[in-house]
Amino acid sequence: MASVAPGVHIEEERTRLGYNWLQHFDLASLTNEVECNGFVIEETYGDVAGGPYCSDGNEMAGALRPM
């Protein structure tokens, strides 16, 4: 699933409205995406702070390595 989220970029000389493309993955679809692009998932985490991975959580982070 994907979504588009608006965001405001404020710079010294101007303010711009932009859109961020957010891609939503479960572990299986992320594994497929990663492997199709030449990487392997070494570790999975529940957040970017290294918390434990939970399949029904709202966040996910991982450590990847090239194949």
N, C-alpha and C. Protein backbone atom coordinates (compact mmCIF):
# COMPACT_ATOMS: atom_id res chain seq x y z
N MET A 1 0.84 -1.17 0.00
CA MET A 1 0.00 0.00 0.00
C MET A 1 0.89 1.24 0.00
N ALA A 2 0.45 2.26 -0.64
CA ALA A 2 1.19 3.52 -0.68
C ALA A 2 0.24 4.67 -0.35
N SER A 3 0.81 5.74 0.14
CA SER A 3 0.03 6.94 0.38
C SER A 3 0.89 8.16 0.07
N VAL A 4 0.23 9.26 -0.13
CA VAL A 4 0.92 10.52 -0.40
C VAL A 4 0.56 11.48 0.73
N ALA A 5 1.58 12.04 1.36
CA ALA A 5 1.36 12.95 2.47
C ALA A 5 1.91 14.33 2.12
N PRO A 6 1.10 15.36 2.24
CA PRO A 6 1.61 16.71 1.96
C PRO A 6 2.58 17.14 3.05
N GLY A 7 3.53 17.96 2.66
CA GLY A 7 4.49 18.50 3.61
C GLY A 7 4.89 19.90 3.19
N VAL A 8 5.19 20.73 4.15
CA VAL A 8 5.62 22.09 3.88
C VAL A 8 7.13 22.16 4.11
N HIS A 9 7.85 22.65 3.11
CA HIS A 9 9.29 22.81 3.18
C HIS A 9 9.59 24.29 3.35
N ILE A 10 10.09 24.67 4.50
CA ILE A 10 10.35 26.08 4.79
C ILE A 10 11.84 26.33 4.65
N GLU A 11 12.18 27.24 3.76
CA GLU A 11 13.57 27.62 3.52
C GLU A 11 13.72 29.10 3.83
N GLU A 12 14.93 29.57 3.87
CA GLU A 12 15.16 30.96 4.23
C GLU A 12 14.47 31.92 3.26
N GLU A 13 14.53 31.63 1.96
CA GLU A 13 13.97 32.55 0.96
C GLU A 13 12.56 32.21 0.49
N ARG A 14 12.07 30.99 0.83
CA ARG A 14 10.75 30.60 0.31
C ARG A 14 10.16 29.46 1.12
N THR A 15 8.88 29.28 0.92
CA THR A 15 8.16 28.15 1.49
C THR A 15 7.54 27.37 0.34
N ARG A 16 7.73 26.07 0.35
CA ARG A 16 7.18 25.25 -0.73
C ARG A 16 6.33 24.13 -0.16
N LEU A 17 5.26 23.83 -0.87
CA LEU A 17 4.42 22.68 -0.54
C LEU A 17 4.91 21.51 -1.38
N GLY A 18 5.18 20.40 -0.73
CA GLY A 18 5.61 19.20 -1.44
C GLY A 18 4.80 18.02 -0.98
N TYR A 19 5.02 16.89 -1.62
CA TYR A 19 4.30 15.67 -1.27
C TYR A 19 5.30 14.55 -1.06
N ASN A 20 5.15 13.82 0.02
CA ASN A 20 6.01 12.70 0.33
C ASN A 20 5.30 11.40 -0.03
N TRP A 21 5.98 10.57 -0.81
CA TRP A 21 5.44 9.27 -1.19
C TRP A 21 5.82 8.30 -0.08
N LEU A 22 4.84 7.74 0.60
CA LEU A 22 5.08 6.80 1.68
C LEU A 22 4.69 5.41 1.22
N GLN A 23 5.61 4.49 1.29
CA GLN A 23 5.35 3.11 0.89
C GLN A 23 5.18 2.27 2.16
N HIS A 24 4.12 1.49 2.20
CA HIS A 24 3.81 0.67 3.37
C HIS A 24 4.11 -0.79 3.03
N PHE A 25 4.87 -1.46 3.88
CA PHE A 25 5.27 -2.84 3.66
C PHE A 25 4.94 -3.70 4.88
N ASP A 26 4.63 -4.96 4.63
CA ASP A 26 4.74 -5.95 5.68
C ASP A 26 6.09 -6.64 5.44
N LEU A 27 6.51 -7.51 6.35
CA LEU A 27 7.85 -8.08 6.24
C LEU A 27 8.00 -8.90 4.96
N ALA A 28 6.98 -9.63 4.56
CA ALA A 28 7.07 -10.45 3.34
C ALA A 28 7.25 -9.59 2.10
N SER A 29 6.48 -8.51 1.97
CA SER A 29 6.60 -7.66 0.78
C SER A 29 7.91 -6.87 0.80
N LEU A 30 8.38 -6.48 1.99
CA LEU A 30 9.67 -5.80 2.07
C LEU A 30 10.80 -6.75 1.71
N THR A 31 10.73 -7.98 2.18
CA THR A 31 11.74 -8.98 1.83
C THR A 31 11.82 -9.16 0.33
N ASN A 32 10.68 -9.26 -0.32
CA ASN A 32 10.65 -9.40 -1.78
C ASN A 32 11.27 -8.19 -2.47
N GLU A 33 10.90 -7.00 -2.05
CA GLU A 33 11.42 -5.76 -2.62
C GLU A 33 12.94 -5.67 -2.45
N VAL A 34 13.40 -5.98 -1.27
CA VAL A 34 14.83 -5.92 -0.95
C VAL A 34 15.61 -6.92 -1.80
N GLU A 35 15.13 -8.16 -1.86
CA GLU A 35 15.84 -9.20 -2.60
C GLU A 35 15.83 -8.94 -4.11
N CYS A 36 14.75 -8.39 -4.63
CA CYS A 36 14.69 -8.05 -6.05
C CYS A 36 15.71 -6.96 -6.42
N ASN A 37 16.19 -6.24 -5.42
CA ASN A 37 17.16 -5.18 -5.66
C ASN A 37 18.55 -5.51 -5.13
N GLY A 38 18.80 -6.81 -4.91
CA GLY A 38 20.15 -7.26 -4.61
C GLY A 38 20.59 -7.19 -3.16
N PHE A 39 19.64 -7.15 -2.22
CA PHE A 39 19.98 -7.09 -0.81
C PHE A 39 19.30 -8.22 -0.05
N VAL A 40 19.78 -8.46 1.16
CA VAL A 40 19.21 -9.44 2.07
C VAL A 40 18.94 -8.74 3.39
N ILE A 41 17.82 -9.03 4.02
CA ILE A 41 17.53 -8.49 5.35
C ILE A 41 18.29 -9.32 6.38
N GLU A 42 19.21 -8.69 7.09
CA GLU A 42 19.99 -9.37 8.12
C GLU A 42 19.25 -9.39 9.46
N GLU A 43 18.64 -8.27 9.82
CA GLU A 43 17.93 -8.16 11.09
C GLU A 43 16.70 -7.29 10.91
N THR A 44 15.67 -7.56 11.68
CA THR A 44 14.47 -6.71 11.66
C THR A 44 14.23 -6.18 13.08
N TYR A 45 13.69 -4.97 13.12
CA TYR A 45 13.42 -4.29 14.38
C TYR A 45 12.02 -3.68 14.34
N GLY A 46 11.51 -3.40 15.51
CA GLY A 46 10.19 -2.79 15.60
C GLY A 46 10.19 -1.28 15.42
N ASP A 47 11.37 -0.67 15.45
CA ASP A 47 11.50 0.77 15.27
C ASP A 47 12.95 1.11 14.97
N VAL A 48 13.23 2.35 14.66
CA VAL A 48 14.60 2.75 14.31
C VAL A 48 15.53 2.78 15.52
N ALA A 49 14.99 2.64 16.73
CA ALA A 49 15.82 2.57 17.93
C ALA A 49 16.24 1.13 18.25
N GLY A 50 15.82 0.17 17.42
CA GLY A 50 16.23 -1.22 17.61
C GLY A 50 15.33 -2.03 18.51
N GLY A 51 14.10 -1.55 18.72
CA GLY A 51 13.14 -2.30 19.53
C GLY A 51 12.78 -3.63 18.86
N PRO A 52 12.16 -4.53 19.60
CA PRO A 52 11.81 -5.83 19.05
C PRO A 52 10.76 -5.72 17.94
N TYR A 53 10.95 -6.53 16.89
CA TYR A 53 10.01 -6.55 15.76
C TYR A 53 8.72 -7.24 16.19
N CYS A 54 7.60 -6.68 15.79
CA CYS A 54 6.28 -7.25 16.04
C CYS A 54 5.50 -7.16 14.74
N SER A 55 5.01 -8.28 14.23
CA SER A 55 4.36 -8.29 12.92
C SER A 55 3.11 -7.41 12.85
N ASP A 56 2.47 -7.12 13.96
CA ASP A 56 1.30 -6.25 13.91
C ASP A 56 1.60 -4.83 14.41
N GLY A 57 2.88 -4.47 14.46
CA GLY A 57 3.27 -3.13 14.88
C GLY A 57 3.06 -2.10 13.78
N ASN A 58 3.20 -0.84 14.12
CA ASN A 58 3.01 0.26 13.16
C ASN A 58 4.30 0.67 12.47
N GLU A 59 5.44 0.23 12.99
CA GLU A 59 6.73 0.61 12.42
C GLU A 59 7.60 -0.62 12.24
N MET A 60 8.61 -0.47 11.38
CA MET A 60 9.55 -1.54 11.14
C MET A 60 10.85 -0.91 10.65
N ALA A 61 11.96 -1.49 11.09
CA ALA A 61 13.27 -1.07 10.60
C ALA A 61 14.08 -2.33 10.38
N GLY A 62 15.15 -2.20 9.61
CA GLY A 62 15.95 -3.38 9.35
C GLY A 62 17.38 -3.04 9.00
N ALA A 63 18.22 -4.06 9.12
CA ALA A 63 19.61 -3.97 8.69
C ALA A 63 19.73 -4.83 7.45
N LEU A 64 20.24 -4.24 6.36
CA LEU A 64 20.36 -4.94 5.09
C LEU A 64 21.82 -5.10 4.71
N ARG A 65 22.10 -6.08 3.85
CA ARG A 65 23.43 -6.24 3.27
C ARG A 65 23.27 -6.63 1.81
N PRO A 66 24.24 -6.29 0.99
CA PRO A 66 24.18 -6.72 -0.40
C PRO A 66 24.26 -8.25 -0.48
N MET A 67 23.62 -8.83 -1.48
CA MET A 67 23.68 -10.29 -1.67
C MET A 67 25.08 -10.71 -2.04
